[in-house]
Amino acid sequence: MTKRQEHLRRRIVRAVPRVTAVAVTAGILGLACGALIFLVHLVTVRDSGGSEYLVMTAQTKPQTLIAMAGLEPGQPEDTVTLETKDDGSLLLSVQRGFAVTIAVDGTETEAIASSGTVAELLADAGIQLGADDEVTPALSTSVYKGMDAVRVARVTYREWKEQEAIPFEVEYRDESETTEGRYLRDLLEQTGEDGLAEVTYREKYVDGVLAETQTLDTEILTEMKPEIHHKYYTNVVSPLPPPEGITVENNVPSSYTTVYSMKSTGYYSPRGSGASGLGLYYGTFACDPNVIRYGTKVYIASEDGSFVYGWAIATDTGAFALSNPMQVDLFYETYAESAAHGVRQVNVYIP
């Protein structure tokens, strides 16, 4: 080995510790820089008042980040959220609390909120809601700065029942174009009767003031009976209706206790009432009151049905009564009709 080579070797040996120290130091610095790269964050601090700041730091505590951005410290009513953005940086949002007016029970008060719903706002304000209370806007509505007042209407109900009349209806049956006969009848065939119903009402009170009245239910206790007017032509002389519950088929009542075969004649009188004091009109007749009492309603028709006087009421006594009690005089409102009646044999059915 030459002197020159030996000298070079000695220099290299002396330099190794220095190079090693530099390499180690560089490695440590590299590691530290790498660590810093992972620990330090780019943070956007956004205040709901409109301010926005960028902060480079390893800190992640919201209040520390707010202070580093030079913002006012967060208050208990503020909402602070820290989230990671798509690019890996952080976003710190500070939603400052704001006043919301609550109108309830006749007064207005202010509550501070920064987020949440109307339901949460009222709960935080210690306002209890009844089952029927109405809140505007809806409880699920998110609160926001500048919103209209939240209004709570106290709602109560009162229910009660009343019995009320059901006014009868009026029915008109006009068969004058489809019927034939000598007499045009425009009769009140059935009188109307009011029905009865039990009605359930409910009153709604808003903040103690009557707001509306609703009908919840109607139960019919008694059915209404309509008033029936009937217009038709007929050859039946009497316009009187049958007793309730009795019908006539083939000129025979559905129910009777006695039937007499009697001679009938027609008569006319200008007087207003018969011997009984009752009226004289189509549907009245004279008889022996010992056989048929005054006021009795009977049905009169010939046996073969060729003549039908119809339902009639005994209101007068005929001059024949002493000589022939089995005779009836049927009243007509014109002399010509009474004269045309002649003498007929009829059946008189007594219910």
Protein backbone atom coordinates (compact mmCIF):
# COMPACT_ATOMS: atom_id res chain seq x y z
CA MET A 1 0.00 0.00 0.00
CA THR A 2 1.45 3.38 -0.93
CA LYS A 3 1.57 6.35 1.35
CA ARG A 4 -1.07 8.05 -0.61
CA GLN A 5 -3.54 5.18 -0.26
CA GLU A 6 -2.86 4.94 3.46
CA HIS A 7 -3.48 8.61 3.89
CA LEU A 8 -6.82 8.36 2.04
CA ARG A 9 -7.90 5.40 4.15
CA ARG A 10 -7.20 7.28 7.36
CA ARG A 11 -9.21 10.27 6.14
CA ILE A 12 -12.20 8.05 5.32
CA VAL A 13 -12.04 6.36 8.73
CA ARG A 14 -12.03 9.74 10.44
CA ALA A 15 -15.02 10.97 8.32
CA VAL A 16 -17.31 7.97 8.93
CA PRO A 17 -18.59 9.15 12.36
CA ARG A 18 -19.42 12.56 10.95
CA VAL A 19 -21.27 11.15 7.93
CA THR A 20 -23.16 8.77 10.16
CA ALA A 21 -24.16 11.57 12.49
CA VAL A 22 -25.39 13.69 9.57
CA ALA A 23 -27.33 10.76 8.10
CA VAL A 24 -28.98 9.99 11.43
CA THR A 25 -29.87 13.64 11.91
CA ALA A 26 -31.31 13.83 8.41
CA GLY A 27 -33.32 10.68 9.04
CA ILE A 28 -34.71 12.07 12.25
CA LEU A 29 -35.60 15.32 10.55
CA GLY A 30 -37.29 13.38 7.76
CA LEU A 31 -39.30 11.39 10.19
CA ALA A 32 -40.27 14.52 12.08
CA CYS A 33 -41.35 16.22 8.88
CA GLY A 34 -43.33 13.16 7.90
CA ALA A 35 -45.00 13.13 11.29
CA LEU A 36 -45.83 16.80 10.98
CA ILE A 37 -47.37 16.19 7.60
CA PHE A 38 -49.75 13.69 9.18
CA LEU A 39 -50.42 15.67 12.38
CA VAL A 40 -50.99 19.15 10.99
CA HIS A 41 -54.40 19.86 9.45
CA LEU A 42 -55.74 22.54 7.21
CA VAL A 43 -58.91 23.69 9.01
CA THR A 44 -61.61 25.96 7.58
CA VAL A 45 -63.35 27.77 10.43
CA ARG A 46 -66.75 29.06 9.25
CA ASP A 47 -68.89 31.31 11.43
CA SER A 48 -72.65 31.61 10.77
CA GLY A 49 -72.14 35.37 10.89
CA GLY A 50 -70.42 35.14 7.52
CA SER A 51 -66.73 35.00 8.53
CA GLU A 52 -64.44 32.23 7.24
CA TYR A 53 -60.82 31.57 8.18
CA LEU A 54 -58.10 29.01 7.30
CA VAL A 55 -55.98 27.59 10.13
CA MET A 56 -52.97 25.25 9.81
CA THR A 57 -52.66 23.34 13.06
CA ALA A 58 -52.44 19.99 14.72
CA GLN A 59 -55.17 21.06 17.17
CA THR A 60 -58.66 19.62 16.79
CA LYS A 61 -60.46 21.01 19.84
CA PRO A 62 -63.28 23.24 18.54
CA GLN A 63 -62.83 26.01 21.10
CA THR A 64 -59.05 26.11 20.41
CA LEU A 65 -59.68 26.33 16.66
CA ILE A 66 -62.25 29.11 17.22
CA ALA A 67 -59.70 31.04 19.28
CA MET A 68 -56.96 30.50 16.66
CA ALA A 69 -59.30 31.94 14.02
CA GLY A 70 -59.82 35.00 16.20
CA LEU A 71 -63.56 34.44 16.61
CA GLU A 72 -65.72 35.02 19.65
CA PRO A 73 -65.77 31.96 21.92
CA GLY A 74 -68.66 29.58 21.39
CA GLN A 75 -71.64 29.95 23.73
CA PRO A 76 -73.66 27.10 25.24
CA GLU A 77 -76.51 27.77 22.83
CA ASP A 78 -74.20 27.66 19.79
CA THR A 79 -73.95 24.56 17.65
CA VAL A 80 -70.34 23.62 16.76
CA THR A 81 -69.62 20.80 14.32
CA LEU A 82 -66.26 19.48 13.08
CA GLU A 83 -66.21 17.32 9.97
CA THR A 84 -63.75 16.04 7.37
CA LYS A 85 -64.17 17.36 3.85
CA ASP A 86 -63.69 15.29 0.70
CA ASP A 87 -60.15 16.64 0.21
CA GLY A 88 -59.11 15.52 3.71
CA SER A 89 -59.12 18.99 5.27
CA LEU A 90 -61.36 19.84 8.20
CA LEU A 91 -64.41 22.11 8.37
CA LEU A 92 -65.39 23.65 11.68
CA SER A 93 -68.87 25.21 11.51
CA VAL A 94 -70.07 27.52 14.25
CA GLN A 95 -73.82 28.16 14.18
CA ARG A 96 -74.42 31.02 16.56
CA GLY A 97 -77.54 31.01 18.72
CA PHE A 98 -80.41 33.26 17.67
CA ALA A 99 -83.63 34.42 19.33
CA VAL A 100 -86.97 32.81 18.43
CA THR A 101 -90.21 34.34 19.70
CA ILE A 102 -92.68 31.94 21.32
CA ALA A 103 -96.28 33.09 21.72
CA VAL A 104 -98.15 30.99 24.29
CA ASP A 105 -100.79 31.48 26.99
CA GLY A 106 -101.33 35.12 26.07
CA THR A 107 -97.71 36.16 26.35
CA GLU A 108 -94.63 36.28 24.14
CA THR A 109 -91.21 35.13 25.24
CA GLU A 110 -87.85 34.65 23.53
CA ALA A 111 -85.87 31.43 23.45
CA ILE A 112 -82.31 31.07 22.12
CA ALA A 113 -81.59 28.25 19.68
CA SER A 114 -79.07 27.48 17.01
CA SER A 115 -80.51 24.29 15.55
CA GLY A 116 -83.12 21.64 16.13
CA THR A 117 -86.87 21.52 15.61
CA VAL A 118 -89.81 23.50 16.97
CA ALA A 119 -90.59 20.57 19.27
CA GLU A 120 -87.08 20.71 20.74
CA LEU A 121 -87.27 24.49 21.06
CA LEU A 122 -90.49 24.27 23.10
CA ALA A 123 -89.13 21.44 25.23
CA ASP A 124 -85.97 23.41 26.01
CA ALA A 125 -88.14 26.40 26.92
CA GLY A 126 -90.09 24.23 29.38
CA ILE A 127 -93.39 24.61 27.54
CA GLN A 128 -95.64 21.56 27.96
CA LEU A 129 -98.15 20.77 25.25
CA GLY A 130 -101.60 19.33 25.74
CA ALA A 131 -102.83 16.45 23.58
CA ASP A 132 -105.03 18.77 21.47
CA ASP A 133 -102.84 21.88 21.40
CA GLU A 134 -101.99 23.27 17.98
CA VAL A 135 -98.50 24.58 17.14
CA THR A 136 -97.58 26.81 14.19
CA PRO A 137 -95.30 26.02 12.42
CA ALA A 138 -95.45 22.24 12.82
CA LEU A 139 -93.42 20.59 15.55
CA SER A 140 -91.16 18.90 12.99
CA THR A 141 -90.16 22.23 11.40
CA SER A 142 -86.47 23.14 11.72
CA VAL A 143 -85.83 26.43 13.49
CA TYR A 144 -83.85 29.14 11.71
CA LYS A 145 -82.76 32.72 12.26
CA GLY A 146 -85.43 35.27 11.37
CA MET A 147 -88.32 32.80 11.43
CA ASP A 148 -91.81 33.94 12.41
CA ALA A 149 -92.93 33.49 15.98
CA VAL A 150 -93.76 29.97 17.11
CA ARG A 151 -97.39 30.06 18.26
CA VAL A 152 -98.95 27.60 20.67
CA ALA A 153 -102.76 27.54 20.71
CA ARG A 154 -104.30 25.84 23.72
CA VAL A 155 -107.19 23.70 22.45
CA THR A 156 -109.98 22.22 24.54
CA TYR A 157 -113.27 20.55 23.58
CA ARG A 158 -116.74 20.31 25.10
CA GLU A 159 -119.22 17.66 23.97
CA TRP A 160 -122.93 17.40 24.73
CA LYS A 161 -126.10 15.80 23.37
CA GLU A 162 -129.44 17.33 22.47
CA GLN A 163 -132.73 15.87 21.33
CA GLU A 164 -133.99 17.69 18.27
CA ALA A 165 -137.06 17.46 16.08
CA ILE A 166 -136.66 16.22 12.51
CA PRO A 167 -139.07 18.37 10.47
CA PHE A 168 -141.38 16.27 8.34
CA GLU A 169 -141.06 16.45 4.59
CA VAL A 170 -143.89 17.10 2.14
CA GLU A 171 -144.44 14.69 -0.74
CA TYR A 172 -146.63 15.40 -3.76
CA ARG A 173 -147.99 12.56 -5.87
CA ASP A 174 -149.72 13.73 -9.03
CA GLU A 175 -151.45 10.90 -10.91
CA SER A 176 -154.10 13.09 -12.56
CA GLU A 177 -152.77 12.30 -16.05
CA THR A 178 -152.78 8.53 -15.59
CA THR A 179 -156.08 8.03 -13.72
CA GLU A 180 -159.74 8.28 -14.78
CA GLY A 181 -162.99 8.99 -13.00
CA ARG A 182 -165.64 11.56 -12.21
CA TYR A 183 -163.92 13.13 -9.22
CA LEU A 184 -160.59 14.94 -9.23
CA ARG A 185 -159.07 14.48 -5.82
CA ASP A 186 -156.30 16.64 -4.41
CA LEU A 187 -156.08 15.08 -1.00
CA LEU A 188 -153.96 15.20 2.05
CA GLU A 189 -153.55 11.46 2.33
CA GLN A 190 -151.20 11.50 5.29
CA THR A 191 -150.45 14.17 7.84
CA GLY A 192 -146.80 14.76 8.54
CA GLU A 193 -145.21 14.09 11.88
CA ASP A 194 -141.82 15.33 13.02
CA GLY A 195 -139.24 12.73 13.93
CA LEU A 196 -136.84 12.89 16.86
CA ALA A 197 -133.06 12.65 16.81
CA GLU A 198 -130.34 12.75 19.44
CA VAL A 199 -127.50 14.91 18.15
CA THR A 200 -123.99 14.92 19.61
CA TYR A 201 -122.22 18.27 19.31
CA ARG A 202 -118.64 19.28 20.03
CA GLU A 203 -117.39 22.80 20.65
CA LYS A 204 -113.77 23.66 20.01
CA TYR A 205 -112.19 26.37 22.13
CA VAL A 206 -108.85 27.94 21.15
CA ASP A 207 -107.19 29.82 24.01
CA GLY A 208 -110.55 29.85 25.77
CA VAL A 209 -112.47 31.34 22.83
CA LEU A 210 -115.14 29.35 20.96
CA ALA A 211 -113.73 28.63 17.49
CA GLU A 212 -116.25 26.23 15.97
CA THR A 213 -119.09 23.85 16.70
CA GLN A 214 -119.13 20.44 15.02
CA THR A 215 -121.84 17.82 14.69
CA LEU A 216 -120.24 14.52 15.62
CA ASP A 217 -123.15 12.10 15.43
CA THR A 218 -126.90 11.94 14.84
CA GLU A 219 -128.95 9.06 16.19
CA ILE A 220 -132.52 8.74 14.91
CA LEU A 221 -134.86 8.02 17.82
CA THR A 222 -138.14 8.36 15.90
CA GLU A 223 -138.45 8.37 12.13
CA MET A 224 -140.06 11.36 10.46
CA LYS A 225 -143.48 10.71 8.87
CA PRO A 226 -143.90 12.66 5.62
CA GLU A 227 -146.96 14.69 4.74
CA ILE A 228 -148.41 13.19 1.55
CA HIS A 229 -150.58 15.06 -0.96
CA HIS A 230 -152.20 12.96 -3.69
CA LYS A 231 -153.84 14.23 -6.86
CA TYR A 232 -155.82 11.77 -9.01
CA TYR A 233 -159.14 11.02 -10.72
CA THR A 234 -161.52 8.42 -9.27
CA ASN A 235 -165.13 7.24 -9.29
CA VAL A 236 -165.05 6.72 -5.52
CA VAL A 237 -167.27 9.43 -4.08
CA SER A 238 -165.66 9.90 -0.66
CA PRO A 239 -162.19 11.37 -0.40
CA LEU A 240 -161.69 10.17 3.18
CA PRO A 241 -158.69 7.94 3.90
CA PRO A 242 -159.08 4.56 5.63
CA PRO A 243 -158.48 4.12 9.36
CA GLU A 244 -154.80 3.57 10.11
CA GLY A 245 -153.69 0.01 9.47
CA ILE A 246 -156.65 -0.95 7.24
CA THR A 247 -156.45 -1.49 3.48
CA VAL A 248 -159.13 -2.29 0.93
CA GLU A 249 -158.94 -5.05 -1.66
CA ASN A 250 -161.76 -5.89 -4.07
CA ASN A 251 -163.91 -3.38 -2.15
CA VAL A 252 -163.59 -5.31 1.11
CA PRO A 253 -161.67 -3.81 4.05
CA SER A 254 -158.81 -5.89 5.43
CA SER A 255 -160.35 -5.65 8.90
CA TYR A 256 -163.96 -5.17 10.06
CA THR A 257 -166.24 -6.36 12.88
CA THR A 258 -169.67 -6.09 11.23
CA VAL A 259 -171.08 -5.81 7.73
CA TYR A 260 -174.65 -4.69 7.01
CA SER A 261 -176.50 -5.05 3.72
CA MET A 262 -178.47 -1.82 3.47
CA LYS A 263 -180.51 0.26 1.08
CA SER A 264 -178.83 3.50 0.12
CA THR A 265 -180.15 6.73 -1.31
CA GLY A 266 -178.46 10.00 -2.12
CA TYR A 267 -179.22 13.33 -0.54
CA TYR A 268 -178.09 16.92 -0.63
CA SER A 269 -178.43 19.63 1.99
CA PRO A 270 -177.13 23.19 2.03
CA ARG A 271 -176.73 23.05 5.81
CA GLY A 272 -173.27 23.05 7.28
CA SER A 273 -173.78 20.20 9.74
CA GLY A 274 -175.95 17.15 10.36
CA ALA A 275 -178.04 16.12 13.34
CA SER A 276 -174.87 15.10 15.18
CA GLY A 277 -173.37 18.58 14.89
CA LEU A 278 -170.66 17.17 12.66
CA GLY A 279 -170.15 18.46 9.12
CA LEU A 280 -171.81 17.54 5.87
CA TYR A 281 -169.48 16.90 2.92
CA TYR A 282 -168.41 14.15 0.54
CA GLY A 283 -167.78 11.21 2.86
CA THR A 284 -170.64 11.74 5.33
CA PHE A 285 -173.95 9.94 5.54
CA ALA A 286 -177.21 9.81 7.46
CA CYS A 287 -178.32 6.70 9.33
CA ASP A 288 -180.20 5.41 12.34
CA PRO A 289 -177.78 6.24 15.19
CA ASN A 290 -179.11 3.23 17.09
CA VAL A 291 -177.63 1.02 14.38
CA ILE A 292 -174.51 3.04 13.50
CA ARG A 293 -173.37 5.60 16.06
CA TYR A 294 -172.46 9.13 15.10
CA GLY A 295 -168.80 9.56 14.31
CA THR A 296 -168.34 5.94 13.16
CA LYS A 297 -166.23 5.58 10.02
CA VAL A 298 -167.48 2.81 7.71
CA TYR A 299 -166.74 1.56 4.23
CA ILE A 300 -169.63 1.58 1.71
CA ALA A 301 -169.72 -0.20 -1.66
CA SER A 302 -172.10 -2.32 -3.71
CA GLU A 303 -171.44 -6.02 -3.49
CA ASP A 304 -170.45 -6.27 -7.16
CA GLY A 305 -168.19 -3.22 -6.92
CA SER A 306 -170.06 -1.26 -9.58
CA PHE A 307 -170.65 1.53 -7.08
CA VAL A 308 -168.19 2.62 -4.42
CA TYR A 309 -168.94 5.46 -2.02
CA GLY A 310 -165.81 4.70 0.01
CA TRP A 311 -164.99 5.54 3.60
CA ALA A 312 -167.67 7.66 5.22
CA ILE A 313 -168.55 9.05 8.66
CA ALA A 314 -172.06 8.95 10.24
CA THR A 315 -172.99 12.60 10.95
CA ASP A 316 -176.75 12.87 10.32
CA THR A 317 -180.09 11.11 10.89
CA GLY A 318 -182.31 10.38 7.94
CA ALA A 319 -186.10 10.88 8.00
CA PHE A 320 -186.34 7.15 7.21
CA ALA A 321 -184.80 6.11 10.50
CA LEU A 322 -188.12 5.36 12.21
CA SER A 323 -189.44 3.29 9.30
CA ASN A 324 -186.25 1.57 8.03
CA PRO A 325 -183.18 1.53 10.29
CA MET A 326 -181.30 -0.54 7.67
CA GLN A 327 -180.99 2.38 5.30
CA VAL A 328 -178.29 5.00 4.75
CA ASP A 329 -178.47 8.32 2.95
CA LEU A 330 -175.17 9.19 1.26
CA PHE A 331 -174.31 12.87 1.09
CA TYR A 332 -173.48 14.61 -2.21
CA GLU A 333 -172.35 18.18 -2.63
CA THR A 334 -174.68 18.80 -5.59
CA TYR A 335 -178.37 18.11 -5.90
CA ALA A 336 -177.91 16.61 -9.39
CA GLU A 337 -175.54 13.96 -8.05
CA SER A 338 -177.84 13.07 -5.19
CA ALA A 339 -180.80 12.70 -7.58
CA ALA A 340 -178.73 10.57 -9.95
CA HIS A 341 -177.82 8.18 -7.14
CA GLY A 342 -181.31 6.64 -6.98
CA VAL A 343 -181.73 3.62 -4.76
CA ARG A 344 -178.88 1.12 -4.45
CA GLN A 345 -178.14 -1.90 -2.32
CA VAL A 346 -174.78 -1.56 -0.58
CA ASN A 347 -172.61 -3.31 1.98
CA VAL A 348 -171.66 -1.20 4.99
CA TYR A 349 -168.47 -2.47 6.67
CA ILE A 350 -167.88 -1.37 10.26
CA PRO A 351 -164.28 -1.77 11.55
